[in-house]
Amino acid sequence: MIFLTYLVPPTLLFLPLSRIIAVLGLQNSMWSLVLVYPTYTIPFCSCLLIGFFKALPVEIEEAAIVDGCSLFGAFVKMAIPLSVPAI
């Protein structure tokens, strides 16, 4: 579903979003930006992060698990610090 937003040009997304903002009564307010800005940025950022997490070596997480970390602990202590440049 995230990649489907790349098939639609941003100018076509503007019309339904402006209608939603008008129905909610958020014209000329900061809250309209809070609603609209993530609509455009979340798909792009998640695509970048997926590629970055796939590029991380699996051996690093496996070594953390062998050393006694849980799967979640290996993710938090190994993958997140290595992905700070992407985040």
N, C-alpha and C. Protein backbone atom coordinates (compact mmCIF):
# COMPACT_ATOMS: atom_id res chain seq x y z
N MET A 1 0.82 -1.20 0.00
CA MET A 1 0.00 0.00 0.00
C MET A 1 0.86 1.26 0.00
N ILE A 2 2.02 1.17 0.66
CA ILE A 2 2.88 2.35 0.72
C ILE A 2 3.40 2.71 -0.67
N PHE A 3 3.76 1.70 -1.45
CA PHE A 3 4.32 1.96 -2.76
C PHE A 3 3.27 2.43 -3.76
N LEU A 4 1.99 2.19 -3.49
CA LEU A 4 0.95 2.68 -4.39
C LEU A 4 0.89 4.20 -4.41
N THR A 5 1.29 4.85 -3.32
CA THR A 5 1.26 6.31 -3.32
C THR A 5 2.29 6.90 -4.28
N TYR A 6 3.33 6.14 -4.62
CA TYR A 6 4.32 6.64 -5.59
C TYR A 6 3.75 6.64 -7.01
N LEU A 7 2.74 5.83 -7.26
CA LEU A 7 2.15 5.78 -8.59
C LEU A 7 1.23 6.96 -8.86
N VAL A 8 0.75 7.59 -7.80
CA VAL A 8 -0.15 8.73 -7.94
C VAL A 8 0.67 10.01 -7.84
N PRO A 9 0.56 10.89 -8.82
CA PRO A 9 1.30 12.16 -8.74
C PRO A 9 0.84 12.99 -7.54
N PRO A 10 1.75 13.71 -6.91
CA PRO A 10 1.38 14.51 -5.73
C PRO A 10 0.32 15.56 -6.01
N THR A 11 0.25 16.04 -7.24
CA THR A 11 -0.78 17.05 -7.55
C THR A 11 -2.18 16.45 -7.49
N LEU A 12 -2.30 15.16 -7.80
CA LEU A 12 -3.61 14.52 -7.69
C LEU A 12 -3.98 14.23 -6.24
N LEU A 13 -2.98 14.05 -5.39
CA LEU A 13 -3.25 13.85 -3.98
C LEU A 13 -3.67 15.13 -3.28
N PHE A 14 -3.30 16.27 -3.87
CA PHE A 14 -3.61 17.54 -3.25
C PHE A 14 -5.12 17.81 -3.20
N LEU A 15 -5.84 17.43 -4.23
CA LEU A 15 -7.27 17.71 -4.28
C LEU A 15 -8.06 17.00 -3.18
N PRO A 16 -7.90 15.69 -2.98
CA PRO A 16 -8.64 15.07 -1.88
C PRO A 16 -8.17 15.56 -0.50
N LEU A 17 -6.89 15.83 -0.37
CA LEU A 17 -6.41 16.32 0.92
C LEU A 17 -6.95 17.71 1.22
N SER A 18 -7.04 18.55 0.22
CA SER A 18 -7.61 19.88 0.46
C SER A 18 -9.09 19.77 0.80
N ARG A 19 -9.77 18.81 0.22
CA ARG A 19 -11.20 18.60 0.56
C ARG A 19 -11.35 18.12 2.00
N ILE A 20 -10.47 17.21 2.42
CA ILE A 20 -10.51 16.72 3.81
C ILE A 20 -10.22 17.86 4.78
N ILE A 21 -9.25 18.69 4.45
CA ILE A 21 -8.92 19.84 5.31
C ILE A 21 -10.10 20.80 5.39
N ALA A 22 -10.78 20.99 4.27
CA ALA A 22 -11.94 21.89 4.26
C ALA A 22 -13.09 21.32 5.09
N VAL A 23 -13.34 20.02 4.98
CA VAL A 23 -14.43 19.39 5.74
C VAL A 23 -14.13 19.45 7.25
N LEU A 24 -12.86 19.28 7.61
CA LEU A 24 -12.49 19.34 9.02
C LEU A 24 -12.40 20.77 9.55
N GLY A 25 -12.46 21.73 8.68
CA GLY A 25 -12.41 23.14 9.09
C GLY A 25 -11.02 23.58 9.53
N LEU A 26 -10.01 23.04 8.92
CA LEU A 26 -8.63 23.35 9.32
C LEU A 26 -7.91 24.28 8.35
N GLN A 27 -8.65 25.03 7.53
CA GLN A 27 -7.99 25.93 6.59
C GLN A 27 -7.21 26.98 7.38
N ASN A 28 -6.06 27.34 6.84
CA ASN A 28 -5.21 28.38 7.42
C ASN A 28 -4.84 28.10 8.88
N SER A 29 -4.56 26.86 9.18
CA SER A 29 -4.14 26.53 10.54
C SER A 29 -2.91 25.62 10.49
N MET A 30 -2.22 25.58 11.59
CA MET A 30 -1.03 24.74 11.68
C MET A 30 -1.41 23.25 11.69
N TRP A 31 -2.60 22.92 12.18
CA TRP A 31 -3.02 21.52 12.26
C TRP A 31 -3.24 20.90 10.89
N SER A 32 -3.53 21.72 9.89
CA SER A 32 -3.64 21.18 8.54
C SER A 32 -2.29 20.68 8.05
N LEU A 33 -1.21 21.38 8.42
CA LEU A 33 0.12 20.91 8.06
C LEU A 33 0.48 19.63 8.80
N VAL A 34 0.03 19.53 10.05
CA VAL A 34 0.28 18.32 10.83
C VAL A 34 -0.40 17.12 10.18
N LEU A 35 -1.50 17.32 9.55
CA LEU A 35 -2.22 16.24 8.87
C LEU A 35 -1.64 15.93 7.50
N VAL A 36 -1.27 16.94 6.74
CA VAL A 36 -0.87 16.76 5.35
C VAL A 36 0.60 16.35 5.21
N TYR A 37 1.48 16.93 6.01
CA TYR A 37 2.92 16.69 5.84
C TYR A 37 3.28 15.21 5.99
N PRO A 38 2.81 14.49 7.01
CA PRO A 38 3.14 13.06 7.09
C PRO A 38 2.56 12.23 5.95
N THR A 39 1.49 12.69 5.35
CA THR A 39 0.90 11.97 4.23
C THR A 39 1.88 11.84 3.07
N TYR A 40 2.69 12.85 2.87
CA TYR A 40 3.67 12.82 1.79
C TYR A 40 4.99 12.22 2.22
N THR A 41 5.39 12.40 3.47
CA THR A 41 6.74 12.00 3.87
C THR A 41 6.86 10.57 4.38
N ILE A 42 5.83 10.03 5.00
CA ILE A 42 5.93 8.68 5.57
C ILE A 42 6.21 7.63 4.50
N PRO A 43 5.54 7.61 3.36
CA PRO A 43 5.88 6.60 2.35
C PRO A 43 7.32 6.71 1.85
N PHE A 44 7.79 7.92 1.64
CA PHE A 44 9.16 8.10 1.16
C PHE A 44 10.18 7.65 2.21
N CYS A 45 9.99 8.05 3.44
CA CYS A 45 10.93 7.70 4.51
C CYS A 45 10.92 6.20 4.79
N SER A 46 9.75 5.59 4.75
CA SER A 46 9.71 4.14 5.01
C SER A 46 10.39 3.37 3.88
N CYS A 47 10.31 3.85 2.67
CA CYS A 47 11.01 3.20 1.56
C CYS A 47 12.52 3.29 1.76
N LEU A 48 13.00 4.43 2.20
CA LEU A 48 14.43 4.57 2.47
C LEU A 48 14.88 3.69 3.62
N LEU A 49 14.09 3.61 4.67
CA LEU A 49 14.47 2.80 5.82
C LEU A 49 14.43 1.31 5.51
N ILE A 50 13.49 0.87 4.69
CA ILE A 50 13.44 -0.54 4.32
C ILE A 50 14.73 -0.93 3.61
N GLY A 51 15.18 -0.10 2.69
CA GLY A 51 16.42 -0.39 1.98
C GLY A 51 17.63 -0.37 2.91
N PHE A 52 17.62 0.54 3.87
CA PHE A 52 18.74 0.62 4.79
C PHE A 52 18.78 -0.58 5.73
N PHE A 53 17.62 -1.01 6.26
CA PHE A 53 17.59 -2.16 7.16
C PHE A 53 17.92 -3.46 6.43
N LYS A 54 17.58 -3.55 5.16
CA LYS A 54 17.95 -4.74 4.40
C LYS A 54 19.46 -4.81 4.16
N ALA A 55 20.11 -3.66 4.14
CA ALA A 55 21.55 -3.62 3.89
C ALA A 55 22.37 -3.95 5.14
N LEU A 56 21.74 -3.93 6.32
CA LEU A 56 22.48 -4.27 7.55
C LEU A 56 22.80 -5.76 7.55
N PRO A 57 24.01 -6.12 7.93
CA PRO A 57 24.37 -7.54 7.94
C PRO A 57 23.61 -8.30 9.03
N VAL A 58 23.12 -9.46 8.66
CA VAL A 58 22.38 -10.31 9.60
C VAL A 58 23.32 -10.88 10.65
N GLU A 59 24.58 -11.03 10.30
CA GLU A 59 25.55 -11.62 11.22
C GLU A 59 25.71 -10.80 12.49
N ILE A 60 25.52 -9.49 12.41
CA ILE A 60 25.65 -8.64 13.59
C ILE A 60 24.55 -8.97 14.59
N GLU A 61 23.32 -9.10 14.11
CA GLU A 61 22.22 -9.45 15.00
C GLU A 61 22.37 -10.87 15.53
N GLU A 62 22.85 -11.77 14.69
CA GLU A 62 23.06 -13.15 15.14
C GLU A 62 24.13 -13.20 16.22
N ALA A 63 25.18 -12.40 16.09
CA ALA A 63 26.24 -12.36 17.10
C ALA A 63 25.69 -11.82 18.42
N ALA A 64 24.81 -10.84 18.35
CA ALA A 64 24.21 -10.30 19.57
C ALA A 64 23.32 -11.34 20.24
N ILE A 65 22.61 -12.13 19.47
CA ILE A 65 21.76 -13.18 20.03
C ILE A 65 22.61 -14.26 20.68
N VAL A 66 23.72 -14.61 20.04
CA VAL A 66 24.64 -15.61 20.62
C VAL A 66 25.22 -15.09 21.94
N ASP A 67 25.46 -13.78 22.01
CA ASP A 67 26.03 -13.19 23.22
C ASP A 67 25.00 -13.03 24.34
N GLY A 68 23.74 -13.35 24.08
CA GLY A 68 22.75 -13.35 25.15
C GLY A 68 21.62 -12.36 25.00
N CYS A 69 21.58 -11.58 23.94
CA CYS A 69 20.47 -10.64 23.73
C CYS A 69 19.26 -11.39 23.18
N SER A 70 18.10 -10.88 23.50
CA SER A 70 16.90 -11.39 22.86
C SER A 70 16.83 -10.82 21.45
N LEU A 71 15.83 -11.25 20.69
CA LEU A 71 15.70 -10.72 19.33
C LEU A 71 15.40 -9.22 19.36
N PHE A 72 14.53 -8.82 20.28
CA PHE A 72 14.23 -7.40 20.42
C PHE A 72 15.45 -6.63 20.94
N GLY A 73 16.19 -7.22 21.88
CA GLY A 73 17.39 -6.58 22.40
C GLY A 73 18.46 -6.42 21.33
N ALA A 74 18.58 -7.41 20.47
CA ALA A 74 19.54 -7.31 19.37
C ALA A 74 19.14 -6.20 18.41
N PHE A 75 17.85 -6.05 18.19
CA PHE A 75 17.38 -4.98 17.32
C PHE A 75 17.66 -3.62 17.94
N VAL A 76 17.35 -3.49 19.24
CA VAL A 76 17.52 -2.19 19.89
C VAL A 76 18.99 -1.84 20.09
N LYS A 77 19.80 -2.83 20.46
CA LYS A 77 21.20 -2.55 20.78
C LYS A 77 22.14 -2.60 19.59
N MET A 78 21.73 -3.25 18.50
CA MET A 78 22.61 -3.36 17.34
C MET A 78 22.06 -2.65 16.10
N ALA A 79 20.84 -2.96 15.73
CA ALA A 79 20.31 -2.42 14.46
C ALA A 79 19.99 -0.93 14.55
N ILE A 80 19.39 -0.52 15.65
CA ILE A 80 19.02 0.90 15.77
C ILE A 80 20.28 1.80 15.81
N PRO A 81 21.29 1.48 16.64
CA PRO A 81 22.49 2.35 16.59
C PRO A 81 23.18 2.37 15.22
N LEU A 82 23.15 1.26 14.51
CA LEU A 82 23.76 1.25 13.18
C LEU A 82 22.94 2.01 12.15
N SER A 83 21.65 2.16 12.41
CA SER A 83 20.79 2.85 11.45
C SER A 83 20.53 4.30 11.81
N VAL A 84 21.24 4.84 12.78
CA VAL A 84 21.07 6.24 13.16
C VAL A 84 21.31 7.19 11.99
N PRO A 85 22.28 6.95 11.11
CA PRO A 85 22.44 7.86 9.97
C PRO A 85 21.21 7.91 9.06
N ALA A 86 20.51 6.79 8.92
CA ALA A 86 19.32 6.78 8.07
C ALA A 86 18.12 7.41 8.77
N ILE A 87 18.03 7.18 10.07
CA ILE A 87 16.89 7.73 10.82
C ILE A 87 17.05 9.23 10.94
